[in-house]
Amino acid sequence: MTDLRYPIGKYEEQPFSEKQKQEWLNDIKFFPQLVENAIINLDEAQLQTPYREGGWTVHQLVHHIADSHMNAYVRFKLGLTEDNPTIRPYEEKLWAELNDVKALPINISITLLYALHTRWYTAIKDLTDQEWKRTVFHPASQKTMSLWFLLGMYAWHGKHHVAHITELRKRNNW
């Protein structure tokens, strides 16, 4: 049985290559459509179903993705405009319990993802090989991360959460 927490496995850093860069950039560019396809025709009861025991509901998951990717976009902008800035961690589990997540339909976050990913993709699609080496510092993990590492991590993050939804659909025959 696959670990339901990691339906596509854990993120593994990849060496820089043009081919990998284009793949990950396309993941960023086309991600909102993947999320929309994953949730299409789900009813309210299905949206309120956790993707695994003790996990977030599909509803929370979609809002989490928007929260996470807003932070990612800001992290990239900081990394492109400052020298090794310290990025701000956030309590994603607590964010998933806030009123905006509870009260708003997921189409709000889907719309946000389309606009956000368009901006994000446009900001990074033409970076030079040298710019991909720019770094940010994550104080929670005490790790310096390159923009290249972040690109791969967020490309993975999107596919990771889409797989949570699509695997739940398969298991429940939705």
N, C-alpha and C. Protein backbone atom coordinates (compact mmCIF):
# COMPACT_ATOMS: atom_id res chain seq x y z
N MET A 1 0.85 -1.20 0.00
CA MET A 1 0.00 0.00 0.00
C MET A 1 0.88 1.24 0.00
N THR A 2 0.53 2.20 -0.82
CA THR A 2 1.26 3.45 -0.91
C THR A 2 0.97 4.30 0.32
N ASP A 3 1.94 5.10 0.73
CA ASP A 3 1.75 6.05 1.81
C ASP A 3 0.83 7.16 1.30
N LEU A 4 -0.36 7.26 1.86
CA LEU A 4 -1.34 8.23 1.38
C LEU A 4 -0.86 9.67 1.56
N ARG A 5 0.08 9.88 2.46
CA ARG A 5 0.62 11.23 2.64
C ARG A 5 1.46 11.66 1.44
N TYR A 6 2.10 10.69 0.79
CA TYR A 6 3.02 10.99 -0.32
C TYR A 6 2.70 10.12 -1.53
N PRO A 7 1.59 10.40 -2.19
CA PRO A 7 1.17 9.53 -3.29
C PRO A 7 2.13 9.51 -4.49
N ILE A 8 2.96 10.55 -4.63
CA ILE A 8 3.95 10.56 -5.71
C ILE A 8 5.37 10.47 -5.16
N GLY A 9 5.49 10.14 -3.89
CA GLY A 9 6.79 10.10 -3.24
C GLY A 9 7.18 11.47 -2.71
N LYS A 10 8.29 11.52 -2.02
CA LYS A 10 8.78 12.78 -1.48
C LYS A 10 9.62 13.51 -2.52
N TYR A 11 9.72 14.82 -2.36
CA TYR A 11 10.50 15.64 -3.29
C TYR A 11 11.97 15.24 -3.22
N GLU A 12 12.54 15.06 -4.39
CA GLU A 12 13.98 14.78 -4.50
C GLU A 12 14.59 15.83 -5.41
N GLU A 13 15.57 16.53 -4.88
CA GLU A 13 16.25 17.58 -5.64
C GLU A 13 16.88 16.98 -6.90
N GLN A 14 16.82 17.74 -7.98
CA GLN A 14 17.37 17.29 -9.27
C GLN A 14 18.45 18.27 -9.71
N PRO A 15 19.47 17.76 -10.42
CA PRO A 15 20.48 18.68 -10.95
C PRO A 15 19.87 19.57 -12.03
N PHE A 16 20.47 20.73 -12.21
CA PHE A 16 19.98 21.67 -13.20
C PHE A 16 20.14 21.09 -14.60
N SER A 17 19.08 21.21 -15.39
CA SER A 17 19.15 20.91 -16.82
C SER A 17 18.06 21.71 -17.51
N GLU A 18 18.28 22.02 -18.77
CA GLU A 18 17.28 22.76 -19.56
C GLU A 18 15.98 21.98 -19.63
N LYS A 19 16.09 20.68 -19.86
CA LYS A 19 14.90 19.84 -19.97
C LYS A 19 14.09 19.86 -18.67
N GLN A 20 14.78 19.69 -17.54
CA GLN A 20 14.09 19.69 -16.24
C GLN A 20 13.48 21.06 -15.97
N LYS A 21 14.21 22.11 -16.33
CA LYS A 21 13.70 23.47 -16.11
C LYS A 21 12.39 23.67 -16.88
N GLN A 22 12.36 23.28 -18.14
CA GLN A 22 11.15 23.46 -18.93
C GLN A 22 9.98 22.65 -18.36
N GLU A 23 10.27 21.43 -17.91
CA GLU A 23 9.22 20.61 -17.31
C GLU A 23 8.64 21.27 -16.07
N TRP A 24 9.51 21.74 -15.18
CA TRP A 24 9.03 22.37 -13.96
C TRP A 24 8.34 23.70 -14.23
N LEU A 25 8.85 24.47 -15.18
CA LEU A 25 8.17 25.72 -15.53
C LEU A 25 6.77 25.43 -16.07
N ASN A 26 6.64 24.39 -16.88
CA ASN A 26 5.31 24.00 -17.37
C ASN A 26 4.42 23.54 -16.22
N ASP A 27 5.00 22.86 -15.23
CA ASP A 27 4.21 22.47 -14.06
C ASP A 27 3.64 23.71 -13.38
N ILE A 28 4.44 24.76 -13.25
CA ILE A 28 3.96 26.00 -12.63
C ILE A 28 2.89 26.64 -13.53
N LYS A 29 3.16 26.71 -14.80
CA LYS A 29 2.25 27.38 -15.74
C LYS A 29 0.88 26.70 -15.80
N PHE A 30 0.86 25.39 -15.87
CA PHE A 30 -0.39 24.67 -16.11
C PHE A 30 -1.04 24.09 -14.86
N PHE A 31 -0.42 24.31 -13.71
CA PHE A 31 -0.94 23.73 -12.47
C PHE A 31 -2.40 24.07 -12.17
N PRO A 32 -2.83 25.33 -12.29
CA PRO A 32 -4.24 25.61 -11.94
C PRO A 32 -5.24 24.74 -12.70
N GLN A 33 -4.96 24.45 -13.95
CA GLN A 33 -5.86 23.59 -14.72
C GLN A 33 -5.88 22.17 -14.15
N LEU A 34 -4.75 21.69 -13.68
CA LEU A 34 -4.69 20.35 -13.06
C LEU A 34 -5.55 20.29 -11.80
N VAL A 35 -5.50 21.34 -11.00
CA VAL A 35 -6.33 21.38 -9.78
C VAL A 35 -7.80 21.40 -10.17
N GLU A 36 -8.12 22.26 -11.12
CA GLU A 36 -9.52 22.36 -11.55
C GLU A 36 -10.02 21.02 -12.10
N ASN A 37 -9.20 20.34 -12.88
CA ASN A 37 -9.58 19.03 -13.40
C ASN A 37 -9.77 18.02 -12.27
N ALA A 38 -8.94 18.10 -11.24
CA ALA A 38 -9.01 17.15 -10.13
C ALA A 38 -10.29 17.29 -9.32
N ILE A 39 -10.81 18.51 -9.22
CA ILE A 39 -11.99 18.73 -8.36
C ILE A 39 -13.30 18.80 -9.15
N ILE A 40 -13.22 18.70 -10.46
CA ILE A 40 -14.41 18.87 -11.29
C ILE A 40 -15.51 17.88 -10.87
N ASN A 41 -16.71 18.40 -10.76
CA ASN A 41 -17.92 17.63 -10.45
C ASN A 41 -17.95 17.03 -9.06
N LEU A 42 -17.08 17.46 -8.16
CA LEU A 42 -17.19 16.98 -6.78
C LEU A 42 -18.31 17.75 -6.08
N ASP A 43 -19.14 17.04 -5.33
CA ASP A 43 -20.21 17.71 -4.59
C ASP A 43 -19.69 18.14 -3.22
N GLU A 44 -20.54 18.82 -2.46
CA GLU A 44 -20.11 19.37 -1.18
C GLU A 44 -19.66 18.29 -0.21
N ALA A 45 -20.34 17.17 -0.17
CA ALA A 45 -19.94 16.07 0.73
C ALA A 45 -18.56 15.55 0.34
N GLN A 46 -18.30 15.43 -0.95
CA GLN A 46 -17.00 14.96 -1.42
C GLN A 46 -15.91 15.99 -1.09
N LEU A 47 -16.22 17.27 -1.24
CA LEU A 47 -15.25 18.32 -0.92
C LEU A 47 -14.91 18.34 0.57
N GLN A 48 -15.85 17.87 1.40
CA GLN A 48 -15.62 17.84 2.85
C GLN A 48 -15.02 16.52 3.32
N THR A 49 -14.59 15.68 2.39
CA THR A 49 -13.97 14.40 2.70
C THR A 49 -12.45 14.57 2.84
N PRO A 50 -11.87 14.09 3.94
CA PRO A 50 -10.40 14.14 4.05
C PRO A 50 -9.75 13.21 3.02
N TYR A 51 -8.63 13.63 2.48
CA TYR A 51 -7.95 12.80 1.48
C TYR A 51 -7.32 11.57 2.11
N ARG A 52 -7.14 11.59 3.44
CA ARG A 52 -6.66 10.43 4.19
C ARG A 52 -7.11 10.62 5.64
N GLU A 53 -7.08 9.56 6.41
CA GLU A 53 -7.41 9.63 7.83
C GLU A 53 -6.50 10.65 8.50
N GLY A 54 -7.11 11.63 9.17
CA GLY A 54 -6.34 12.67 9.86
C GLY A 54 -5.81 13.77 8.95
N GLY A 55 -6.15 13.70 7.67
CA GLY A 55 -5.68 14.70 6.72
C GLY A 55 -6.71 15.78 6.48
N TRP A 56 -6.33 16.75 5.67
CA TRP A 56 -7.23 17.83 5.31
C TRP A 56 -8.33 17.32 4.39
N THR A 57 -9.45 18.05 4.41
CA THR A 57 -10.50 17.77 3.44
C THR A 57 -10.04 18.31 2.08
N VAL A 58 -10.70 17.89 1.03
CA VAL A 58 -10.39 18.41 -0.31
C VAL A 58 -10.56 19.94 -0.30
N HIS A 59 -11.60 20.41 0.35
CA HIS A 59 -11.86 21.84 0.46
C HIS A 59 -10.66 22.56 1.10
N GLN A 60 -10.18 22.05 2.23
CA GLN A 60 -9.03 22.66 2.90
C GLN A 60 -7.78 22.57 2.03
N LEU A 61 -7.63 21.46 1.37
CA LEU A 61 -6.46 21.22 0.53
C LEU A 61 -6.36 22.25 -0.59
N VAL A 62 -7.47 22.54 -1.26
CA VAL A 62 -7.44 23.52 -2.35
C VAL A 62 -7.07 24.90 -1.81
N HIS A 63 -7.64 25.28 -0.66
CA HIS A 63 -7.28 26.57 -0.07
C HIS A 63 -5.82 26.57 0.39
N HIS A 64 -5.35 25.43 0.92
CA HIS A 64 -3.95 25.33 1.33
C HIS A 64 -3.01 25.55 0.14
N ILE A 65 -3.33 24.97 -0.97
CA ILE A 65 -2.48 25.12 -2.16
C ILE A 65 -2.36 26.61 -2.51
N ALA A 66 -3.46 27.32 -2.48
CA ALA A 66 -3.41 28.76 -2.78
C ALA A 66 -2.54 29.48 -1.75
N ASP A 67 -2.72 29.17 -0.47
CA ASP A 67 -1.90 29.79 0.58
C ASP A 67 -0.42 29.50 0.35
N SER A 68 -0.11 28.26 0.11
CA SER A 68 1.28 27.84 -0.07
C SER A 68 1.91 28.50 -1.28
N HIS A 69 1.18 28.54 -2.38
CA HIS A 69 1.75 29.07 -3.60
C HIS A 69 1.84 30.60 -3.58
N MET A 70 0.99 31.26 -2.79
CA MET A 70 1.18 32.70 -2.58
C MET A 70 2.49 32.94 -1.86
N ASN A 71 2.75 32.13 -0.84
CA ASN A 71 4.03 32.24 -0.13
C ASN A 71 5.19 31.94 -1.05
N ALA A 72 5.04 30.94 -1.90
CA ALA A 72 6.10 30.57 -2.84
C ALA A 72 6.43 31.73 -3.77
N TYR A 73 5.40 32.35 -4.31
CA TYR A 73 5.60 33.48 -5.22
C TYR A 73 6.39 34.59 -4.53
N VAL A 74 6.00 34.91 -3.30
CA VAL A 74 6.71 35.95 -2.55
C VAL A 74 8.16 35.52 -2.29
N ARG A 75 8.36 34.26 -1.98
CA ARG A 75 9.72 33.76 -1.74
C ARG A 75 10.59 33.93 -2.99
N PHE A 76 10.04 33.64 -4.14
CA PHE A 76 10.78 33.83 -5.39
C PHE A 76 11.10 35.30 -5.60
N LYS A 77 10.13 36.17 -5.38
CA LYS A 77 10.36 37.60 -5.58
C LYS A 77 11.44 38.10 -4.63
N LEU A 78 11.40 37.66 -3.39
CA LEU A 78 12.44 38.04 -2.44
C LEU A 78 13.80 37.53 -2.89
N GLY A 79 13.83 36.27 -3.32
CA GLY A 79 15.09 35.68 -3.77
C GLY A 79 15.67 36.36 -4.99
N LEU A 80 14.81 36.93 -5.81
CA LEU A 80 15.28 37.61 -7.02
C LEU A 80 15.72 39.06 -6.76
N THR A 81 15.28 39.62 -5.64
CA THR A 81 15.54 41.04 -5.40
C THR A 81 16.41 41.34 -4.19
N GLU A 82 16.71 40.32 -3.39
CA GLU A 82 17.54 40.52 -2.20
C GLU A 82 18.61 39.43 -2.16
N ASP A 83 19.68 39.70 -1.42
CA ASP A 83 20.75 38.72 -1.29
C ASP A 83 20.46 37.77 -0.15
N ASN A 84 20.18 36.51 -0.49
CA ASN A 84 19.91 35.44 0.47
C ASN A 84 18.97 35.89 1.60
N PRO A 85 17.79 36.39 1.24
CA PRO A 85 16.88 36.86 2.30
C PRO A 85 16.37 35.71 3.15
N THR A 86 16.05 36.03 4.39
CA THR A 86 15.39 35.07 5.27
C THR A 86 13.91 35.11 4.94
N ILE A 87 13.36 33.97 4.56
CA ILE A 87 11.94 33.91 4.21
C ILE A 87 11.14 33.58 5.46
N ARG A 88 9.90 33.92 5.43
CA ARG A 88 9.03 33.76 6.59
C ARG A 88 8.30 32.43 6.52
N PRO A 89 8.55 31.55 7.51
CA PRO A 89 7.73 30.34 7.59
C PRO A 89 6.32 30.72 8.03
N TYR A 90 5.38 29.83 7.88
CA TYR A 90 4.03 30.07 8.35
C TYR A 90 3.44 28.76 8.83
N GLU A 91 2.44 28.87 9.69
CA GLU A 91 1.80 27.69 10.29
C GLU A 91 0.68 27.22 9.38
N GLU A 92 1.03 26.41 8.37
CA GLU A 92 0.05 26.01 7.37
C GLU A 92 -1.14 25.27 7.97
N LYS A 93 -0.93 24.48 9.00
CA LYS A 93 -2.04 23.76 9.62
C LYS A 93 -3.03 24.74 10.26
N LEU A 94 -2.52 25.80 10.87
CA LEU A 94 -3.40 26.80 11.47
C LEU A 94 -4.08 27.64 10.39
N TRP A 95 -3.37 27.92 9.31
CA TRP A 95 -3.98 28.67 8.21
C TRP A 95 -5.18 27.91 7.66
N ALA A 96 -5.10 26.59 7.62
CA ALA A 96 -6.18 25.75 7.08
C ALA A 96 -7.42 25.76 7.97
N GLU A 97 -7.30 26.31 9.17
CA GLU A 97 -8.44 26.38 10.09
C GLU A 97 -9.06 27.78 10.17
N LEU A 98 -8.51 28.73 9.45
CA LEU A 98 -9.01 30.10 9.51
C LEU A 98 -10.35 30.25 8.78
N ASN A 99 -11.04 31.34 9.09
CA ASN A 99 -12.39 31.57 8.57
C ASN A 99 -12.46 31.63 7.05
N ASP A 100 -11.44 32.18 6.39
CA ASP A 100 -11.52 32.25 4.93
C ASP A 100 -11.57 30.85 4.34
N VAL A 101 -10.83 29.92 4.92
CA VAL A 101 -10.85 28.54 4.44
C VAL A 101 -12.20 27.89 4.76
N LYS A 102 -12.70 28.14 5.94
CA LYS A 102 -13.98 27.54 6.34
C LYS A 102 -15.16 28.08 5.54
N ALA A 103 -15.16 29.40 5.29
CA ALA A 103 -16.35 30.05 4.75
C ALA A 103 -16.40 30.16 3.24
N LEU A 104 -15.25 30.25 2.60
CA LEU A 104 -15.26 30.54 1.17
C LEU A 104 -15.26 29.27 0.32
N PRO A 105 -15.99 29.30 -0.79
CA PRO A 105 -15.96 28.16 -1.70
C PRO A 105 -14.59 28.06 -2.36
N ILE A 106 -14.24 26.87 -2.81
CA ILE A 106 -12.91 26.65 -3.38
C ILE A 106 -12.70 27.38 -4.71
N ASN A 107 -13.77 27.78 -5.37
CA ASN A 107 -13.58 28.48 -6.64
C ASN A 107 -12.82 29.79 -6.44
N ILE A 108 -12.89 30.36 -5.23
CA ILE A 108 -12.13 31.58 -4.93
C ILE A 108 -10.63 31.27 -5.04
N SER A 109 -10.22 30.16 -4.44
CA SER A 109 -8.80 29.79 -4.50
C SER A 109 -8.39 29.30 -5.88
N ILE A 110 -9.29 28.67 -6.60
CA ILE A 110 -8.98 28.24 -7.97
C ILE A 110 -8.73 29.48 -8.84
N THR A 111 -9.58 30.49 -8.72
CA THR A 111 -9.41 31.73 -9.46
C THR A 111 -8.10 32.40 -9.09
N LEU A 112 -7.81 32.44 -7.79
CA LEU A 112 -6.57 33.02 -7.31
C LEU A 112 -5.37 32.28 -7.92
N LEU A 113 -5.44 30.95 -7.96
CA LEU A 113 -4.33 30.16 -8.52
C LEU A 113 -4.07 30.49 -9.98
N TYR A 114 -5.11 30.69 -10.76
CA TYR A 114 -4.91 31.04 -12.17
C TYR A 114 -4.14 32.36 -12.29
N ALA A 115 -4.56 33.37 -11.55
CA ALA A 115 -3.88 34.67 -11.61
C ALA A 115 -2.47 34.57 -11.04
N LEU A 116 -2.33 33.93 -9.91
CA LEU A 116 -1.04 33.81 -9.25
C LEU A 116 -0.03 33.05 -10.11
N HIS A 117 -0.43 31.93 -10.67
CA HIS A 117 0.50 31.14 -11.47
C HIS A 117 0.88 31.84 -12.78
N THR A 118 -0.02 32.66 -13.31
CA THR A 118 0.33 33.45 -14.48
C THR A 118 1.42 34.45 -14.13
N ARG A 119 1.27 35.13 -13.01
CA ARG A 119 2.30 36.08 -12.56
C ARG A 119 3.60 35.36 -12.25
N TRP A 120 3.51 34.26 -11.51
CA TRP A 120 4.69 33.50 -11.08
C TRP A 120 5.48 33.01 -12.30
N TYR A 121 4.77 32.36 -13.21
CA TYR A 121 5.41 31.84 -14.41
C TYR A 121 6.09 32.96 -15.19
N THR A 122 5.40 34.08 -15.35
CA THR A 122 5.95 35.20 -16.10
C THR A 122 7.19 35.76 -15.41
N ALA A 123 7.19 35.78 -14.09
CA ALA A 123 8.33 36.30 -13.34
C ALA A 123 9.57 35.43 -13.48
N ILE A 124 9.40 34.13 -13.68
CA ILE A 124 10.56 33.23 -13.63
C ILE A 124 10.92 32.55 -14.94
N LYS A 125 10.08 32.64 -15.95
CA LYS A 125 10.28 31.84 -17.17
C LYS A 125 11.56 32.18 -17.92
N ASP A 126 12.06 33.39 -17.78
CA ASP A 126 13.24 33.80 -18.52
C ASP A 126 14.47 34.02 -17.63
N LEU A 127 14.48 33.42 -16.45
CA LEU A 127 15.64 33.58 -15.57
C LEU A 127 16.87 32.97 -16.22
N THR A 128 18.00 33.58 -15.96
CA THR A 128 19.27 33.04 -16.44
C THR A 128 19.69 31.88 -15.56
N ASP A 129 20.63 31.10 -16.06
CA ASP A 129 21.16 29.99 -15.26
C ASP A 129 21.72 30.53 -13.94
N GLN A 130 22.33 31.70 -13.98
CA GLN A 130 22.90 32.30 -12.77
C GLN A 130 21.79 32.70 -11.78
N GLU A 131 20.69 33.21 -12.28
CA GLU A 131 19.58 33.62 -11.39
C GLU A 131 18.98 32.41 -10.68
N TRP A 132 18.96 31.25 -11.31
CA TRP A 132 18.43 30.05 -10.64
C TRP A 132 19.27 29.66 -9.44
N LYS A 133 20.52 30.17 -9.37
CA LYS A 133 21.41 29.87 -8.25
C LYS A 133 21.21 30.82 -7.08
N ARG A 134 20.41 31.87 -7.27
CA ARG A 134 20.13 32.80 -6.16
C ARG A 134 19.47 32.02 -5.03
N THR A 135 19.63 32.49 -3.82
CA THR A 135 19.18 31.72 -2.66
C THR A 135 18.29 32.51 -1.72
N VAL A 136 17.57 31.75 -0.91
CA VAL A 136 16.82 32.26 0.24
C VAL A 136 17.19 31.38 1.42
N PHE A 137 16.99 31.92 2.61
CA PHE A 137 17.28 31.15 3.83
C PHE A 137 15.97 30.87 4.55
N HIS A 138 15.73 29.59 4.84
CA HIS A 138 14.52 29.17 5.55
C HIS A 138 14.90 28.92 7.01
N PRO A 139 14.46 29.79 7.93
CA PRO A 139 14.90 29.67 9.31
C PRO A 139 14.36 28.44 10.05
N ALA A 140 13.20 27.95 9.67
CA ALA A 140 12.65 26.78 10.36
C ALA A 140 13.48 25.53 10.09
N SER A 141 13.95 25.39 8.86
CA SER A 141 14.77 24.22 8.52
C SER A 141 16.26 24.53 8.61
N GLN A 142 16.58 25.81 8.88
CA GLN A 142 17.98 26.25 8.93
C GLN A 142 18.71 25.86 7.65
N LYS A 143 18.05 26.11 6.51
CA LYS A 143 18.60 25.68 5.23
C LYS A 143 18.58 26.83 4.23
N THR A 144 19.68 26.98 3.51
CA THR A 144 19.73 27.89 2.37
C THR A 144 19.27 27.10 1.15
N MET A 145 18.33 27.68 0.41
CA MET A 145 17.74 27.00 -0.74
C MET A 145 17.88 27.87 -1.97
N SER A 146 18.27 27.25 -3.07
CA SER A 146 18.36 28.00 -4.33
C SER A 146 16.96 28.12 -4.94
N LEU A 147 16.83 29.08 -5.83
CA LEU A 147 15.56 29.21 -6.55
C LEU A 147 15.31 27.95 -7.39
N TRP A 148 16.38 27.34 -7.86
CA TRP A 148 16.24 26.07 -8.60
C TRP A 148 15.60 25.01 -7.70
N PHE A 149 16.10 24.88 -6.49
CA PHE A 149 15.52 23.93 -5.53
C PHE A 149 14.04 24.24 -5.30
N LEU A 150 13.74 25.52 -5.11
CA LEU A 150 12.34 25.91 -4.86
C LEU A 150 11.46 25.63 -6.06
N LEU A 151 11.96 25.86 -7.26
CA LEU A 151 11.16 25.56 -8.45
C LEU A 151 10.76 24.09 -8.45
N GLY A 152 11.72 23.22 -8.23
CA GLY A 152 11.42 21.79 -8.20
C GLY A 152 10.49 21.43 -7.07
N MET A 153 10.72 22.01 -5.90
CA MET A 153 9.89 21.69 -4.75
C MET A 153 8.43 22.10 -4.98
N TYR A 154 8.22 23.28 -5.55
CA TYR A 154 6.84 23.73 -5.76
C TYR A 154 6.19 23.04 -6.95
N ALA A 155 6.96 22.67 -7.95
CA ALA A 155 6.40 21.84 -9.04
C ALA A 155 5.93 20.51 -8.44
N TRP A 156 6.77 19.93 -7.59
CA TRP A 156 6.40 18.69 -6.89
C TRP A 156 5.19 18.92 -5.98
N HIS A 157 5.19 20.00 -5.23
CA HIS A 157 4.12 20.30 -4.27
C HIS A 157 2.76 20.31 -4.96
N GLY A 158 2.68 20.93 -6.10
CA GLY A 158 1.42 20.96 -6.82
C GLY A 158 0.96 19.58 -7.23
N LYS A 159 1.86 18.82 -7.84
CA LYS A 159 1.50 17.46 -8.28
C LYS A 159 1.17 16.56 -7.09
N HIS A 160 1.87 16.76 -6.00
CA HIS A 160 1.65 16.02 -4.75
C HIS A 160 0.20 16.20 -4.28
N HIS A 161 -0.27 17.44 -4.24
CA HIS A 161 -1.62 17.68 -3.74
C HIS A 161 -2.69 17.31 -4.76
N VAL A 162 -2.42 17.48 -6.04
CA VAL A 162 -3.38 17.01 -7.05
C VAL A 162 -3.54 15.49 -6.91
N ALA A 163 -2.44 14.80 -6.67
CA ALA A 163 -2.51 13.34 -6.49
C ALA A 163 -3.31 12.96 -5.25
N HIS A 164 -3.26 13.78 -4.20
CA HIS A 164 -4.10 13.51 -3.02
C HIS A 164 -5.57 13.44 -3.45
N ILE A 165 -5.96 14.38 -4.27
CA ILE A 165 -7.36 14.46 -4.70
C ILE A 165 -7.69 13.34 -5.69
N THR A 166 -6.84 13.15 -6.68
CA THR A 166 -7.15 12.13 -7.70
C THR A 166 -7.11 10.72 -7.12
N GLU A 167 -6.21 10.48 -6.18
CA GLU A 167 -6.16 9.15 -5.55
C GLU A 167 -7.38 8.93 -4.67
N LEU A 168 -7.84 9.97 -3.97
CA LEU A 168 -9.08 9.87 -3.18
C LEU A 168 -10.24 9.54 -4.10
N ARG A 169 -10.32 10.20 -5.23
CA ARG A 169 -11.39 9.93 -6.20
C ARG A 169 -11.35 8.48 -6.65
N LYS A 170 -10.17 7.96 -6.94
CA LYS A 170 -10.04 6.56 -7.37
C LYS A 170 -10.48 5.61 -6.26
N ARG A 171 -9.99 5.85 -5.05
CA ARG A 171 -10.33 4.95 -3.93
C ARG A 171 -11.84 4.92 -3.67
N ASN A 172 -12.50 6.07 -3.86
CA ASN A 172 -13.92 6.17 -3.56
C ASN A 172 -14.80 6.01 -4.80
N ASN A 173 -14.20 5.72 -5.93
CA ASN A 173 -14.95 5.56 -7.19
C ASN A 173 -15.82 6.77 -7.50
N TRP A 174 -15.24 7.96 -7.37
CA TRP A 174 -15.98 9.18 -7.68
C TRP A 174 -15.79 9.53 -9.13
